[in-house]
Amino acid sequence: MNSVLTDLYNVVMERRENFEEGSYTCYLFSKGTDKICKKCGEECTEVVIAAKNNDNNELKNEIADLFYHIIVLCVQKGLDYSEVEEVLRERASKIGNLKTFHETDINT
């Protein structure tokens, strides 16, 4: 079953393989990993700000922007999106298994 994120991954892969003039995705690839990572960081910050401002309309748009830039990063680094999905599936199977957190003294 394809998801919108899988479809987006495929479009980004196609842009990586076939440069298209005027494409923002191609622009990001031409600038390289540093630029892509910078955009991921910016979008993450914008997600936090939208959440803090209790603006769900802005939040959903910023999350979409973050997903897009993360997918561009995956393609740039040769990380197949299916690998990320597999990690999420593995984690989903562990739902309900609360990890035990220990208090630690930062002075020791």
N, C-alpha and C. Protein backbone atom coordinates (compact mmCIF):
# COMPACT_ATOMS: atom_id res chain seq x y z
N MET A 1 0.84 -1.18 0.00
CA MET A 1 0.00 0.00 0.00
C MET A 1 0.89 1.25 0.00
N ASN A 2 0.67 2.11 -0.96
CA ASN A 2 1.43 3.35 -1.02
C ASN A 2 0.83 4.39 -0.10
N SER A 3 1.69 5.16 0.50
CA SER A 3 1.25 6.29 1.31
C SER A 3 1.67 7.56 0.59
N VAL A 4 1.11 8.67 1.01
CA VAL A 4 1.49 9.95 0.41
C VAL A 4 2.98 10.22 0.61
N LEU A 5 3.54 9.77 1.73
CA LEU A 5 4.97 9.97 1.97
C LEU A 5 5.82 9.11 1.04
N THR A 6 5.36 7.89 0.77
CA THR A 6 6.07 7.03 -0.18
C THR A 6 6.01 7.65 -1.57
N ASP A 7 4.84 8.17 -1.93
CA ASP A 7 4.69 8.83 -3.23
C ASP A 7 5.62 10.04 -3.31
N LEU A 8 5.68 10.83 -2.25
CA LEU A 8 6.56 11.99 -2.23
C LEU A 8 8.02 11.55 -2.36
N TYR A 9 8.39 10.49 -1.66
CA TYR A 9 9.76 9.96 -1.75
C TYR A 9 10.08 9.63 -3.21
N ASN A 10 9.15 8.99 -3.89
CA ASN A 10 9.38 8.61 -5.28
C ASN A 10 9.55 9.83 -6.19
N VAL A 11 8.77 10.88 -5.95
CA VAL A 11 8.92 12.11 -6.73
C VAL A 11 10.28 12.75 -6.47
N VAL A 12 10.68 12.78 -5.20
CA VAL A 12 11.98 13.36 -4.85
C VAL A 12 13.11 12.55 -5.48
N MET A 13 12.98 11.22 -5.48
CA MET A 13 13.98 10.37 -6.14
C MET A 13 14.07 10.70 -7.63
N GLU A 14 12.93 10.89 -8.25
CA GLU A 14 12.90 11.20 -9.68
C GLU A 14 13.59 12.54 -9.93
N ARG A 15 13.37 13.52 -9.05
CA ARG A 15 14.02 14.83 -9.20
C ARG A 15 15.54 14.70 -9.04
N ARG A 16 15.95 13.82 -8.15
CA ARG A 16 17.39 13.60 -7.94
C ARG A 16 18.04 13.04 -9.20
N GLU A 17 17.31 12.15 -9.86
CA GLU A 17 17.86 11.48 -11.04
C GLU A 17 17.71 12.31 -12.31
N ASN A 18 16.71 13.18 -12.37
CA ASN A 18 16.42 13.96 -13.58
C ASN A 18 16.24 15.43 -13.20
N PHE A 19 17.33 16.18 -13.32
CA PHE A 19 17.30 17.59 -12.96
C PHE A 19 16.22 18.31 -13.76
N GLU A 20 15.44 19.12 -13.05
CA GLU A 20 14.39 19.90 -13.69
C GLU A 20 14.60 21.36 -13.31
N GLU A 21 14.81 22.18 -14.32
CA GLU A 21 15.03 23.62 -14.11
C GLU A 21 13.85 24.22 -13.35
N GLY A 22 14.16 25.03 -12.34
CA GLY A 22 13.12 25.69 -11.56
C GLY A 22 12.55 24.85 -10.44
N SER A 23 13.02 23.63 -10.28
CA SER A 23 12.53 22.75 -9.22
C SER A 23 13.24 23.07 -7.91
N TYR A 24 12.47 23.33 -6.86
CA TYR A 24 13.04 23.58 -5.54
C TYR A 24 13.81 22.36 -5.05
N THR A 25 13.27 21.19 -5.31
CA THR A 25 13.94 19.95 -4.90
C THR A 25 15.31 19.85 -5.56
N CYS A 26 15.37 20.12 -6.85
CA CYS A 26 16.66 20.07 -7.56
C CYS A 26 17.62 21.13 -7.03
N TYR A 27 17.08 22.30 -6.68
CA TYR A 27 17.90 23.34 -6.07
C TYR A 27 18.55 22.83 -4.79
N LEU A 28 17.75 22.17 -3.93
CA LEU A 28 18.30 21.65 -2.68
C LEU A 28 19.41 20.64 -2.96
N PHE A 29 19.18 19.74 -3.90
CA PHE A 29 20.21 18.75 -4.23
C PHE A 29 21.47 19.43 -4.75
N SER A 30 21.31 20.49 -5.52
CA SER A 30 22.49 21.18 -6.06
C SER A 30 23.30 21.85 -4.97
N LYS A 31 22.65 22.23 -3.87
CA LYS A 31 23.34 22.89 -2.75
C LYS A 31 23.96 21.89 -1.78
N GLY A 32 23.47 20.66 -1.78
CA GLY A 32 24.09 19.62 -0.99
C GLY A 32 23.52 19.41 0.41
N THR A 33 24.17 18.51 1.11
CA THR A 33 23.69 18.06 2.42
C THR A 33 23.60 19.18 3.45
N ASP A 34 24.57 20.08 3.47
CA ASP A 34 24.53 21.16 4.46
C ASP A 34 23.26 22.00 4.32
N LYS A 35 22.91 22.36 3.10
CA LYS A 35 21.71 23.17 2.86
C LYS A 35 20.46 22.39 3.24
N ILE A 36 20.41 21.11 2.88
CA ILE A 36 19.25 20.28 3.20
C ILE A 36 19.10 20.16 4.71
N CYS A 37 20.19 19.94 5.40
CA CYS A 37 20.14 19.84 6.87
C CYS A 37 19.71 21.17 7.49
N LYS A 38 20.19 22.27 6.95
CA LYS A 38 19.80 23.59 7.44
C LYS A 38 18.29 23.77 7.31
N LYS A 39 17.74 23.37 6.17
CA LYS A 39 16.30 23.49 5.95
C LYS A 39 15.53 22.58 6.91
N CYS A 40 16.03 21.39 7.18
CA CYS A 40 15.37 20.49 8.14
C CYS A 40 15.33 21.16 9.52
N GLY A 41 16.44 21.75 9.92
CA GLY A 41 16.49 22.44 11.21
C GLY A 41 15.53 23.61 11.27
N GLU A 42 15.48 24.40 10.20
CA GLU A 42 14.57 25.54 10.16
C GLU A 42 13.12 25.08 10.27
N GLU A 43 12.78 24.05 9.52
CA GLU A 43 11.40 23.56 9.54
C GLU A 43 11.04 22.97 10.91
N CYS A 44 11.98 22.31 11.53
CA CYS A 44 11.74 21.76 12.87
C CYS A 44 11.44 22.89 13.85
N THR A 45 12.20 23.95 13.77
CA THR A 45 11.97 25.10 14.64
C THR A 45 10.60 25.71 14.37
N GLU A 46 10.21 25.79 13.11
CA GLU A 46 8.90 26.33 12.76
C GLU A 46 7.77 25.45 13.28
N VAL A 47 7.98 24.13 13.31
CA VAL A 47 7.00 23.21 13.90
C VAL A 47 6.83 23.54 15.39
N VAL A 48 7.93 23.70 16.08
CA VAL A 48 7.89 24.00 17.51
C VAL A 48 7.16 25.32 17.77
N ILE A 49 7.47 26.34 16.98
CA ILE A 49 6.83 27.65 17.17
C ILE A 49 5.33 27.55 16.92
N ALA A 50 4.92 26.87 15.86
CA ALA A 50 3.49 26.73 15.57
C ALA A 50 2.78 25.97 16.69
N ALA A 51 3.44 24.96 17.24
CA ALA A 51 2.84 24.20 18.34
C ALA A 51 2.71 25.08 19.58
N LYS A 52 3.75 25.83 19.89
CA LYS A 52 3.72 26.72 21.06
C LYS A 52 2.66 27.81 20.90
N ASN A 53 2.40 28.21 19.66
CA ASN A 53 1.40 29.25 19.39
C ASN A 53 -0.02 28.68 19.30
N ASN A 54 -0.15 27.37 19.52
CA ASN A 54 -1.46 26.71 19.46
C ASN A 54 -2.18 26.98 18.14
N ASP A 55 -1.43 26.96 17.05
CA ASP A 55 -1.98 27.23 15.73
C ASP A 55 -1.92 25.95 14.89
N ASN A 56 -2.97 25.13 15.00
CA ASN A 56 -2.95 23.84 14.31
C ASN A 56 -2.93 23.97 12.80
N ASN A 57 -3.51 25.05 12.25
CA ASN A 57 -3.45 25.23 10.81
C ASN A 57 -2.00 25.43 10.37
N GLU A 58 -1.29 26.30 11.08
CA GLU A 58 0.13 26.51 10.78
C GLU A 58 0.94 25.25 11.11
N LEU A 59 0.60 24.58 12.18
CA LEU A 59 1.32 23.38 12.60
C LEU A 59 1.28 22.30 11.53
N LYS A 60 0.11 22.04 10.98
CA LYS A 60 0.02 20.99 9.95
C LYS A 60 0.83 21.34 8.72
N ASN A 61 0.87 22.62 8.37
CA ASN A 61 1.68 23.04 7.22
C ASN A 61 3.17 22.93 7.50
N GLU A 62 3.58 23.29 8.70
CA GLU A 62 5.00 23.19 9.05
C GLU A 62 5.45 21.73 9.17
N ILE A 63 4.57 20.87 9.68
CA ILE A 63 4.91 19.44 9.75
C ILE A 63 5.05 18.88 8.34
N ALA A 64 4.17 19.28 7.43
CA ALA A 64 4.28 18.84 6.04
C ALA A 64 5.61 19.30 5.43
N ASP A 65 5.99 20.56 5.71
CA ASP A 65 7.28 21.06 5.22
C ASP A 65 8.44 20.25 5.79
N LEU A 66 8.36 19.92 7.08
CA LEU A 66 9.41 19.14 7.71
C LEU A 66 9.49 17.74 7.09
N PHE A 67 8.34 17.08 6.90
CA PHE A 67 8.33 15.76 6.26
C PHE A 67 9.01 15.83 4.90
N TYR A 68 8.65 16.84 4.11
CA TYR A 68 9.24 16.99 2.78
C TYR A 68 10.77 17.10 2.86
N HIS A 69 11.26 17.98 3.72
CA HIS A 69 12.71 18.18 3.81
C HIS A 69 13.42 16.94 4.37
N ILE A 70 12.77 16.23 5.26
CA ILE A 70 13.35 14.97 5.77
C ILE A 70 13.45 13.95 4.63
N ILE A 71 12.44 13.89 3.79
CA ILE A 71 12.49 12.97 2.65
C ILE A 71 13.60 13.37 1.69
N VAL A 72 13.76 14.66 1.45
CA VAL A 72 14.88 15.11 0.60
C VAL A 72 16.20 14.67 1.22
N LEU A 73 16.33 14.79 2.53
CA LEU A 73 17.55 14.36 3.22
C LEU A 73 17.76 12.85 3.06
N CYS A 74 16.70 12.07 3.19
CA CYS A 74 16.81 10.62 3.00
C CYS A 74 17.36 10.30 1.62
N VAL A 75 16.79 10.94 0.60
CA VAL A 75 17.24 10.69 -0.77
C VAL A 75 18.69 11.11 -0.93
N GLN A 76 19.03 12.28 -0.41
CA GLN A 76 20.40 12.78 -0.51
C GLN A 76 21.40 11.79 0.11
N LYS A 77 21.03 11.19 1.22
CA LYS A 77 21.94 10.30 1.94
C LYS A 77 21.80 8.83 1.50
N GLY A 78 20.93 8.56 0.53
CA GLY A 78 20.78 7.18 0.04
C GLY A 78 20.04 6.28 1.01
N LEU A 79 19.21 6.87 1.85
CA LEU A 79 18.43 6.11 2.83
C LEU A 79 17.03 5.90 2.26
N ASP A 80 16.71 4.67 1.93
CA ASP A 80 15.40 4.37 1.37
C ASP A 80 14.32 4.59 2.42
N TYR A 81 13.26 5.26 2.01
CA TYR A 81 12.17 5.57 2.93
C TYR A 81 11.58 4.31 3.57
N SER A 82 11.62 3.19 2.85
CA SER A 82 11.09 1.94 3.40
C SER A 82 11.85 1.52 4.66
N GLU A 83 13.12 1.92 4.76
CA GLU A 83 13.90 1.60 5.96
C GLU A 83 13.36 2.37 7.17
N VAL A 84 12.95 3.61 6.94
CA VAL A 84 12.36 4.41 8.02
C VAL A 84 11.02 3.81 8.41
N GLU A 85 10.22 3.43 7.42
CA GLU A 85 8.94 2.79 7.70
C GLU A 85 9.11 1.51 8.52
N GLU A 86 10.15 0.76 8.21
CA GLU A 86 10.40 -0.49 8.94
C GLU A 86 10.72 -0.20 10.41
N VAL A 87 11.52 0.83 10.67
CA VAL A 87 11.81 1.22 12.06
C VAL A 87 10.51 1.58 12.77
N LEU A 88 9.64 2.33 12.09
CA LEU A 88 8.37 2.72 12.70
C LEU A 88 7.49 1.50 12.97
N ARG A 89 7.49 0.53 12.05
CA ARG A 89 6.73 -0.71 12.27
C ARG A 89 7.26 -1.46 13.50
N GLU A 90 8.58 -1.56 13.60
CA GLU A 90 9.18 -2.24 14.75
C GLU A 90 8.81 -1.54 16.04
N ARG A 91 8.85 -0.23 16.03
CA ARG A 91 8.50 0.52 17.24
C ARG A 91 7.02 0.39 17.57
N ALA A 92 6.19 0.33 16.56
CA ALA A 92 4.75 0.18 16.78
C ALA A 92 4.44 -1.14 17.47
N SER A 93 5.23 -2.16 17.18
CA SER A 93 5.00 -3.47 17.81
C SER A 93 5.38 -3.46 19.28
N LYS A 94 6.08 -2.42 19.70
CA LYS A 94 6.51 -2.31 21.10
C LYS A 94 5.62 -1.36 21.90
N ILE A 95 4.54 -0.89 21.30
CA ILE A 95 3.65 0.04 22.00
C ILE A 95 3.15 -0.61 23.28
N GLY A 96 3.21 0.13 24.35
CA GLY A 96 2.77 -0.39 25.64
C GLY A 96 3.92 -0.88 26.51
N ASN A 97 5.09 -0.97 25.93
CA ASN A 97 6.27 -1.38 26.69
C ASN A 97 7.02 -0.13 27.14
N LEU A 98 6.53 0.45 28.22
CA LEU A 98 7.13 1.67 28.74
C LEU A 98 8.55 1.40 29.21
N LYS A 99 9.46 2.19 28.71
CA LYS A 99 10.84 2.07 29.16
C LYS A 99 10.94 2.61 30.58
N THR A 100 11.80 2.02 31.36
CA THR A 100 12.03 2.50 32.71
C THR A 100 13.13 3.55 32.67
N PHE A 101 12.82 4.68 33.23
CA PHE A 101 13.78 5.77 33.28
C PHE A 101 14.34 5.86 34.70
N HIS A 102 15.62 6.05 34.78
CA HIS A 102 16.28 6.16 36.08
C HIS A 102 16.69 7.60 36.31
N GLU A 103 16.46 8.05 37.53
CA GLU A 103 16.96 9.37 37.88
C GLU A 103 18.45 9.26 38.13
N THR A 104 19.18 10.19 37.57
CA THR A 104 20.62 10.18 37.79
C THR A 104 21.05 11.52 38.38
N ASP A 105 22.06 11.45 39.17
CA ASP A 105 22.62 12.65 39.75
C ASP A 105 23.66 13.18 38.77
N ILE A 106 23.42 14.36 38.24
CA ILE A 106 24.35 14.90 37.24
C ILE A 106 25.72 15.20 37.79
N ASN A 107 25.85 15.16 39.11
CA ASN A 107 27.16 15.44 39.73
C ASN A 107 27.99 14.18 39.91
N THR A 108 27.44 13.01 39.55
CA THR A 108 28.23 11.77 39.71
C THR A 108 28.61 11.17 38.41
